[in-house]
Amino acid sequence: MTVREAIGQAHCRQGKAAGTTKDGAYWLACEAIPLRSYGGDGIGQSAPSMTSELELRHYRNGMVRARCHFTSWHQNGSYSGGGDSQYVGADKILGCETAEDVIVALKDLRYGAGYDSGTPVYGYGAHVAECLAALGIREAAPTPDEAVA
């Protein structure tokens, strides 16, 4: 099963929509998946607090999209007016059949605007495999040297 198919089978389009874009209302197939958290705590002289999450969206019209959401925050507003938010399209993961393939695709994505340009969306230690397993996506394909039963 691909990520696209898993999102469709999640039957998440219930209740209040998570948001509305130019493409219409959408619901999240699962909670946003944390990908990366770094920087400081955003207080005083420390660096801003920066996070990256993966959103798996299912729109009212049936369209499925994947978006990486980057946010940064600093209390004194010296970074982008106190906070910054960017989205990067991650639709190339929708055809993936395993969490391993999703991680490989995410490692190729970067945020491209602002003071933090060129920053990878994915960080080590992310719990992508566990979150995708809840949608029915397996962790990895059989290993190359496993005997076929």
N, C-alpha and C. Protein backbone atom coordinates (compact mmCIF):
# COMPACT_ATOMS: atom_id res chain seq x y z
N MET A 1 0.85 -1.17 0.00
CA MET A 1 0.00 0.00 0.00
C MET A 1 0.90 1.24 0.00
N THR A 2 0.54 2.22 -0.80
CA THR A 2 1.31 3.47 -0.85
C THR A 2 0.81 4.44 0.23
N VAL A 3 1.57 5.47 0.48
CA VAL A 3 1.16 6.50 1.43
C VAL A 3 -0.15 7.14 0.95
N ARG A 4 -0.26 7.37 -0.35
CA ARG A 4 -1.49 7.95 -0.91
C ARG A 4 -2.69 7.07 -0.58
N GLU A 5 -2.56 5.77 -0.79
CA GLU A 5 -3.66 4.85 -0.50
C GLU A 5 -3.97 4.80 0.99
N ALA A 6 -2.94 4.83 1.83
CA ALA A 6 -3.14 4.80 3.28
C ALA A 6 -3.90 6.02 3.76
N ILE A 7 -3.58 7.18 3.20
CA ILE A 7 -4.30 8.40 3.57
C ILE A 7 -5.77 8.28 3.18
N GLY A 8 -6.02 7.75 1.99
CA GLY A 8 -7.40 7.56 1.54
C GLY A 8 -8.18 6.61 2.42
N GLN A 9 -7.51 5.57 2.92
CA GLN A 9 -8.18 4.57 3.76
C GLN A 9 -8.30 5.00 5.22
N ALA A 10 -7.68 6.13 5.59
CA ALA A 10 -7.72 6.59 6.98
C ALA A 10 -9.09 7.16 7.36
N HIS A 11 -9.92 7.49 6.38
CA HIS A 11 -11.25 8.06 6.63
C HIS A 11 -11.18 9.21 7.63
N CYS A 12 -10.26 10.12 7.38
CA CYS A 12 -10.00 11.23 8.31
C CYS A 12 -10.89 12.44 8.05
N ARG A 13 -11.63 12.46 6.96
CA ARG A 13 -12.42 13.64 6.63
C ARG A 13 -13.73 13.65 7.41
N GLN A 14 -13.57 13.84 8.70
CA GLN A 14 -14.71 13.90 9.61
C GLN A 14 -14.52 15.08 10.56
N GLY A 15 -15.60 15.61 11.05
CA GLY A 15 -15.51 16.73 11.98
C GLY A 15 -15.02 17.99 11.30
N LYS A 16 -14.47 18.88 12.10
CA LYS A 16 -13.99 20.16 11.59
C LYS A 16 -12.70 19.97 10.78
N ALA A 17 -12.60 20.66 9.66
CA ALA A 17 -11.40 20.59 8.83
C ALA A 17 -10.21 21.17 9.56
N ALA A 18 -9.02 20.65 9.29
CA ALA A 18 -7.79 21.15 9.91
C ALA A 18 -7.40 22.51 9.34
N GLY A 19 -7.82 22.78 8.12
CA GLY A 19 -7.49 24.05 7.49
C GLY A 19 -8.11 24.16 6.12
N THR A 20 -7.93 25.32 5.50
CA THR A 20 -8.44 25.57 4.16
C THR A 20 -7.36 26.29 3.37
N THR A 21 -7.10 25.83 2.17
CA THR A 21 -6.15 26.46 1.27
C THR A 21 -6.87 26.82 -0.01
N LYS A 22 -6.13 27.28 -1.01
CA LYS A 22 -6.75 27.59 -2.30
C LYS A 22 -7.33 26.33 -2.95
N ASP A 23 -6.88 25.16 -2.47
CA ASP A 23 -7.41 23.89 -2.99
C ASP A 23 -8.65 23.42 -2.23
N GLY A 24 -9.04 24.14 -1.19
CA GLY A 24 -10.22 23.79 -0.41
C GLY A 24 -9.88 23.30 0.99
N ALA A 25 -10.91 22.80 1.67
CA ALA A 25 -10.75 22.31 3.04
C ALA A 25 -10.00 20.99 3.03
N TYR A 26 -9.18 20.78 4.10
CA TYR A 26 -8.46 19.52 4.23
C TYR A 26 -8.48 19.04 5.68
N TRP A 27 -8.32 17.74 5.82
CA TRP A 27 -8.20 17.08 7.12
C TRP A 27 -6.85 16.38 7.15
N LEU A 28 -6.30 16.18 8.33
CA LEU A 28 -5.03 15.48 8.47
C LEU A 28 -5.30 14.00 8.68
N ALA A 29 -4.57 13.15 7.95
CA ALA A 29 -4.74 11.70 8.07
C ALA A 29 -4.29 11.19 9.43
N CYS A 30 -3.38 11.91 10.06
CA CYS A 30 -2.89 11.60 11.40
C CYS A 30 -2.34 12.90 11.98
N GLU A 31 -1.97 12.90 13.23
CA GLU A 31 -1.33 14.08 13.80
C GLU A 31 -0.09 14.40 12.97
N ALA A 32 0.29 15.66 12.94
CA ALA A 32 1.51 16.03 12.22
C ALA A 32 2.68 15.22 12.78
N ILE A 33 3.50 14.69 11.88
CA ILE A 33 4.61 13.81 12.26
C ILE A 33 5.86 14.66 12.49
N PRO A 34 6.39 14.67 13.71
CA PRO A 34 7.61 15.46 13.97
C PRO A 34 8.78 14.92 13.16
N LEU A 35 9.48 15.81 12.45
CA LEU A 35 10.62 15.42 11.65
C LEU A 35 11.95 15.91 12.22
N ARG A 36 11.91 17.10 12.79
CA ARG A 36 13.16 17.69 13.27
C ARG A 36 12.84 18.80 14.27
N SER A 37 13.65 18.90 15.31
CA SER A 37 13.55 19.97 16.29
C SER A 37 14.98 20.36 16.64
N TYR A 38 15.29 21.65 16.50
CA TYR A 38 16.67 22.08 16.73
C TYR A 38 16.70 23.56 17.07
N GLY A 39 17.90 24.07 17.29
CA GLY A 39 18.07 25.46 17.67
C GLY A 39 18.07 25.59 19.18
N GLY A 40 17.80 26.78 19.64
CA GLY A 40 17.75 27.04 21.08
C GLY A 40 16.33 26.97 21.59
N ASP A 41 16.12 27.61 22.73
CA ASP A 41 14.77 27.62 23.28
C ASP A 41 14.00 28.88 22.88
N GLY A 42 14.65 29.78 22.14
CA GLY A 42 13.98 30.98 21.67
C GLY A 42 13.80 32.04 22.73
N ILE A 43 14.53 31.93 23.82
CA ILE A 43 14.39 32.89 24.92
C ILE A 43 15.72 33.59 25.15
N GLY A 44 15.66 34.91 25.33
CA GLY A 44 16.86 35.68 25.62
C GLY A 44 17.84 35.68 24.46
N GLN A 45 19.09 35.36 24.77
CA GLN A 45 20.14 35.39 23.76
C GLN A 45 20.31 34.06 23.02
N SER A 46 19.49 33.09 23.30
CA SER A 46 19.62 31.79 22.64
C SER A 46 19.08 31.87 21.22
N ALA A 47 19.40 30.87 20.45
CA ALA A 47 18.92 30.76 19.08
C ALA A 47 17.41 30.50 19.09
N PRO A 48 16.75 30.76 17.96
CA PRO A 48 15.32 30.48 17.90
C PRO A 48 15.04 28.98 18.00
N SER A 49 13.89 28.65 18.50
CA SER A 49 13.42 27.28 18.53
C SER A 49 12.86 26.97 17.14
N MET A 50 13.35 25.88 16.51
CA MET A 50 12.93 25.55 15.14
C MET A 50 12.44 24.11 15.08
N THR A 51 11.31 23.91 14.41
CA THR A 51 10.74 22.57 14.27
C THR A 51 10.27 22.34 12.85
N SER A 52 10.21 21.08 12.50
CA SER A 52 9.75 20.65 11.18
C SER A 52 8.81 19.46 11.38
N GLU A 53 7.65 19.49 10.72
CA GLU A 53 6.66 18.42 10.83
C GLU A 53 6.13 18.06 9.45
N LEU A 54 5.70 16.82 9.32
CA LEU A 54 5.09 16.33 8.08
C LEU A 54 3.59 16.27 8.26
N GLU A 55 2.86 16.92 7.35
CA GLU A 55 1.40 16.87 7.36
C GLU A 55 0.92 16.05 6.18
N LEU A 56 0.05 15.09 6.44
CA LEU A 56 -0.55 14.26 5.39
C LEU A 56 -2.00 14.71 5.26
N ARG A 57 -2.30 15.43 4.20
CA ARG A 57 -3.59 16.09 4.04
C ARG A 57 -4.50 15.34 3.07
N HIS A 58 -5.79 15.26 3.42
CA HIS A 58 -6.80 14.70 2.54
C HIS A 58 -7.86 15.78 2.34
N TYR A 59 -7.98 16.28 1.11
CA TYR A 59 -8.88 17.39 0.80
C TYR A 59 -10.30 16.89 0.56
N ARG A 60 -11.24 17.81 0.70
CA ARG A 60 -12.65 17.50 0.49
C ARG A 60 -12.90 16.88 -0.88
N ASN A 61 -12.19 17.37 -1.90
CA ASN A 61 -12.40 16.87 -3.26
C ASN A 61 -11.70 15.54 -3.54
N GLY A 62 -11.04 14.96 -2.53
CA GLY A 62 -10.39 13.67 -2.68
C GLY A 62 -8.89 13.76 -2.92
N MET A 63 -8.40 14.95 -3.22
CA MET A 63 -6.96 15.13 -3.45
C MET A 63 -6.19 14.83 -2.17
N VAL A 64 -5.00 14.26 -2.32
CA VAL A 64 -4.12 13.95 -1.20
C VAL A 64 -2.81 14.70 -1.42
N ARG A 65 -2.31 15.36 -0.38
CA ARG A 65 -1.05 16.12 -0.46
C ARG A 65 -0.22 15.83 0.78
N ALA A 66 1.09 15.95 0.64
CA ALA A 66 2.01 15.86 1.77
C ALA A 66 2.79 17.16 1.81
N ARG A 67 2.87 17.76 3.00
CA ARG A 67 3.55 19.03 3.17
C ARG A 67 4.43 18.97 4.41
N CYS A 68 5.64 19.51 4.31
CA CYS A 68 6.51 19.68 5.47
C CYS A 68 6.33 21.11 5.95
N HIS A 69 6.07 21.25 7.24
CA HIS A 69 5.82 22.55 7.83
C HIS A 69 6.96 22.91 8.76
N PHE A 70 7.65 23.99 8.46
CA PHE A 70 8.75 24.50 9.27
C PHE A 70 8.27 25.70 10.06
N THR A 71 8.57 25.73 11.36
CA THR A 71 8.26 26.90 12.18
C THR A 71 9.48 27.26 13.01
N SER A 72 9.64 28.55 13.24
CA SER A 72 10.68 29.03 14.14
C SER A 72 10.06 30.10 15.03
N TRP A 73 10.63 30.23 16.24
CA TRP A 73 10.10 31.20 17.17
C TRP A 73 11.22 31.73 18.06
N HIS A 74 11.20 33.03 18.28
CA HIS A 74 12.10 33.65 19.24
C HIS A 74 11.32 34.75 19.95
N GLN A 75 11.44 34.82 21.25
CA GLN A 75 10.63 35.75 22.03
C GLN A 75 10.88 37.21 21.71
N ASN A 76 12.10 37.57 21.33
CA ASN A 76 12.36 38.99 21.10
C ASN A 76 12.09 39.43 19.67
N GLY A 77 11.64 38.53 18.84
CA GLY A 77 11.23 38.89 17.50
C GLY A 77 12.37 39.22 16.55
N SER A 78 13.61 38.94 16.93
CA SER A 78 14.73 39.28 16.05
C SER A 78 14.83 38.35 14.85
N TYR A 79 14.06 37.29 14.85
CA TYR A 79 14.05 36.36 13.73
C TYR A 79 12.66 36.39 13.11
N SER A 80 12.54 36.98 11.95
CA SER A 80 11.29 37.01 11.19
C SER A 80 10.12 37.51 12.02
N GLY A 81 10.33 38.55 12.79
CA GLY A 81 9.22 39.13 13.54
C GLY A 81 8.74 38.28 14.69
N GLY A 82 9.58 37.42 15.22
CA GLY A 82 9.20 36.60 16.36
C GLY A 82 8.83 35.19 15.97
N GLY A 83 8.50 34.97 14.74
CA GLY A 83 8.15 33.63 14.29
C GLY A 83 8.16 33.54 12.79
N ASP A 84 8.36 32.35 12.28
CA ASP A 84 8.41 32.14 10.85
C ASP A 84 7.72 30.82 10.57
N SER A 85 7.07 30.73 9.44
CA SER A 85 6.39 29.51 9.07
C SER A 85 6.53 29.33 7.56
N GLN A 86 6.95 28.16 7.14
CA GLN A 86 7.11 27.85 5.72
C GLN A 86 6.60 26.45 5.46
N TYR A 87 6.11 26.23 4.25
CA TYR A 87 5.71 24.90 3.82
C TYR A 87 6.56 24.50 2.63
N VAL A 88 6.91 23.22 2.57
CA VAL A 88 7.61 22.65 1.43
C VAL A 88 6.80 21.45 0.97
N GLY A 89 6.53 21.39 -0.32
CA GLY A 89 5.79 20.26 -0.87
C GLY A 89 6.58 18.97 -0.73
N ALA A 90 5.89 17.91 -0.32
CA ALA A 90 6.53 16.60 -0.16
C ALA A 90 5.71 15.53 -0.86
N ASP A 91 5.02 15.91 -1.94
CA ASP A 91 4.14 14.97 -2.62
C ASP A 91 4.87 13.76 -3.18
N LYS A 92 6.19 13.84 -3.34
CA LYS A 92 6.91 12.69 -3.87
C LYS A 92 6.88 11.50 -2.92
N ILE A 93 6.52 11.70 -1.66
CA ILE A 93 6.44 10.57 -0.73
C ILE A 93 5.13 9.79 -0.91
N LEU A 94 4.16 10.37 -1.60
CA LEU A 94 2.85 9.73 -1.71
C LEU A 94 2.88 8.39 -2.43
N GLY A 95 3.86 8.17 -3.29
CA GLY A 95 3.99 6.90 -3.99
C GLY A 95 4.82 5.88 -3.24
N CYS A 96 5.38 6.26 -2.11
CA CYS A 96 6.23 5.36 -1.32
C CYS A 96 5.39 4.26 -0.66
N GLU A 97 5.97 3.06 -0.56
CA GLU A 97 5.29 1.93 0.06
C GLU A 97 5.85 1.56 1.42
N THR A 98 6.98 2.14 1.79
CA THR A 98 7.57 1.83 3.09
C THR A 98 8.04 3.12 3.77
N ALA A 99 8.15 3.06 5.10
CA ALA A 99 8.67 4.21 5.85
C ALA A 99 10.11 4.50 5.44
N GLU A 100 10.87 3.47 5.13
CA GLU A 100 12.25 3.66 4.68
C GLU A 100 12.30 4.53 3.43
N ASP A 101 11.42 4.25 2.47
CA ASP A 101 11.37 5.05 1.24
C ASP A 101 10.95 6.49 1.52
N VAL A 102 10.03 6.67 2.47
CA VAL A 102 9.59 8.02 2.85
C VAL A 102 10.76 8.80 3.44
N ILE A 103 11.52 8.16 4.33
CA ILE A 103 12.66 8.83 4.96
C ILE A 103 13.71 9.22 3.92
N VAL A 104 13.98 8.32 2.98
CA VAL A 104 14.94 8.64 1.91
C VAL A 104 14.47 9.86 1.12
N ALA A 105 13.19 9.92 0.79
CA ALA A 105 12.64 11.06 0.05
C ALA A 105 12.70 12.34 0.87
N LEU A 106 12.40 12.25 2.17
CA LEU A 106 12.41 13.43 3.03
C LEU A 106 13.83 13.98 3.21
N LYS A 107 14.82 13.10 3.23
CA LYS A 107 16.20 13.56 3.40
C LYS A 107 16.68 14.40 2.22
N ASP A 108 15.96 14.34 1.12
CA ASP A 108 16.32 15.11 -0.06
C ASP A 108 15.65 16.49 -0.08
N LEU A 109 14.71 16.74 0.83
CA LEU A 109 13.97 18.00 0.85
C LEU A 109 14.63 19.03 1.75
N ARG A 110 14.57 20.29 1.33
CA ARG A 110 15.13 21.40 2.11
C ARG A 110 14.16 22.58 2.05
N TYR A 111 14.20 23.36 3.14
CA TYR A 111 13.48 24.62 3.14
C TYR A 111 14.33 25.62 2.38
N GLY A 112 13.69 26.48 1.59
CA GLY A 112 14.49 27.30 0.71
C GLY A 112 14.37 28.80 0.83
N ALA A 113 13.69 29.34 1.80
CA ALA A 113 13.56 30.79 1.88
C ALA A 113 13.92 31.27 3.28
N GLY A 114 14.30 32.51 3.38
CA GLY A 114 14.58 33.12 4.67
C GLY A 114 15.97 32.82 5.18
N TYR A 115 16.18 33.15 6.44
CA TYR A 115 17.51 33.00 7.04
C TYR A 115 17.92 31.55 7.19
N ASP A 116 16.99 30.63 7.11
CA ASP A 116 17.28 29.23 7.35
C ASP A 116 17.25 28.42 6.06
N SER A 117 17.56 29.04 4.93
CA SER A 117 17.44 28.36 3.64
C SER A 117 18.46 27.24 3.52
N GLY A 118 18.07 26.22 2.80
CA GLY A 118 18.93 25.08 2.59
C GLY A 118 18.94 24.11 3.74
N THR A 119 18.07 24.30 4.70
CA THR A 119 18.03 23.42 5.87
C THR A 119 17.21 22.18 5.57
N PRO A 120 17.75 21.00 5.90
CA PRO A 120 16.99 19.76 5.68
C PRO A 120 15.70 19.74 6.51
N VAL A 121 14.65 19.17 5.95
CA VAL A 121 13.39 19.05 6.70
C VAL A 121 13.45 17.89 7.68
N TYR A 122 14.26 16.89 7.38
CA TYR A 122 14.32 15.67 8.20
C TYR A 122 15.51 15.70 9.14
N GLY A 123 15.31 15.24 10.35
CA GLY A 123 16.39 15.13 11.32
C GLY A 123 16.47 13.73 11.87
N TYR A 124 17.62 13.34 12.27
CA TYR A 124 17.81 12.00 12.83
C TYR A 124 17.03 11.87 14.12
N GLY A 125 16.50 10.69 14.34
CA GLY A 125 15.72 10.44 15.54
C GLY A 125 14.23 10.68 15.36
N ALA A 126 13.82 11.09 14.16
CA ALA A 126 12.40 11.31 13.91
C ALA A 126 11.66 9.97 14.00
N HIS A 127 10.39 10.03 14.35
CA HIS A 127 9.59 8.83 14.55
C HIS A 127 8.66 8.57 13.36
N VAL A 128 9.17 8.73 12.18
CA VAL A 128 8.37 8.58 10.97
C VAL A 128 7.82 7.17 10.84
N ALA A 129 8.67 6.17 11.04
CA ALA A 129 8.25 4.77 10.86
C ALA A 129 7.09 4.42 11.80
N GLU A 130 7.18 4.83 13.06
CA GLU A 130 6.13 4.51 14.02
C GLU A 130 4.82 5.20 13.65
N CYS A 131 4.89 6.43 13.22
CA CYS A 131 3.68 7.17 12.86
C CYS A 131 3.03 6.60 11.60
N LEU A 132 3.86 6.25 10.62
CA LEU A 132 3.31 5.68 9.38
C LEU A 132 2.76 4.28 9.60
N ALA A 133 3.32 3.54 10.56
CA ALA A 133 2.82 2.19 10.86
C ALA A 133 1.36 2.25 11.30
N ALA A 134 0.99 3.32 12.01
CA ALA A 134 -0.40 3.48 12.44
C ALA A 134 -1.35 3.63 11.26
N LEU A 135 -0.81 4.06 10.11
CA LEU A 135 -1.62 4.18 8.90
C LEU A 135 -1.56 2.91 8.04
N GLY A 136 -0.77 1.94 8.48
CA GLY A 136 -0.66 0.69 7.73
C GLY A 136 0.53 0.62 6.79
N ILE A 137 1.46 1.56 6.90
CA ILE A 137 2.65 1.56 6.05
C ILE A 137 3.73 0.75 6.77
N ARG A 138 4.28 -0.25 6.09
CA ARG A 138 5.32 -1.07 6.72
C ARG A 138 6.63 -0.30 6.82
N GLU A 139 7.49 -0.74 7.72
CA GLU A 139 8.74 -0.04 7.98
C GLU A 139 9.72 -0.15 6.82
N ALA A 140 9.87 -1.35 6.26
CA ALA A 140 10.83 -1.54 5.17
C ALA A 140 10.44 -2.77 4.37
N ALA A 141 10.97 -2.84 3.18
CA ALA A 141 10.79 -4.03 2.34
C ALA A 141 11.67 -5.15 2.91
N PRO A 142 11.43 -6.39 2.51
CA PRO A 142 12.30 -7.48 2.98
C PRO A 142 13.76 -7.18 2.61
N THR A 143 14.65 -7.61 3.46
CA THR A 143 16.06 -7.37 3.18
C THR A 143 16.52 -8.17 1.98
N PRO A 144 17.54 -7.71 1.26
CA PRO A 144 17.97 -8.38 0.03
C PRO A 144 18.42 -9.82 0.22
N ASP A 145 18.97 -10.14 1.38
CA ASP A 145 19.50 -11.49 1.58
C ASP A 145 18.55 -12.42 2.33
N GLU A 146 17.32 -11.98 2.58
CA GLU A 146 16.36 -12.84 3.25
C GLU A 146 15.91 -13.92 2.28
N ALA A 147 15.72 -15.12 2.80
CA ALA A 147 15.21 -16.21 1.99
C ALA A 147 13.74 -15.96 1.72
N VAL A 148 13.33 -16.16 0.49
CA VAL A 148 11.91 -16.00 0.13
C VAL A 148 11.18 -17.25 0.53
N ALA A 149 10.14 -17.09 1.34
CA ALA A 149 9.42 -18.26 1.85
C ALA A 149 8.39 -18.73 0.86
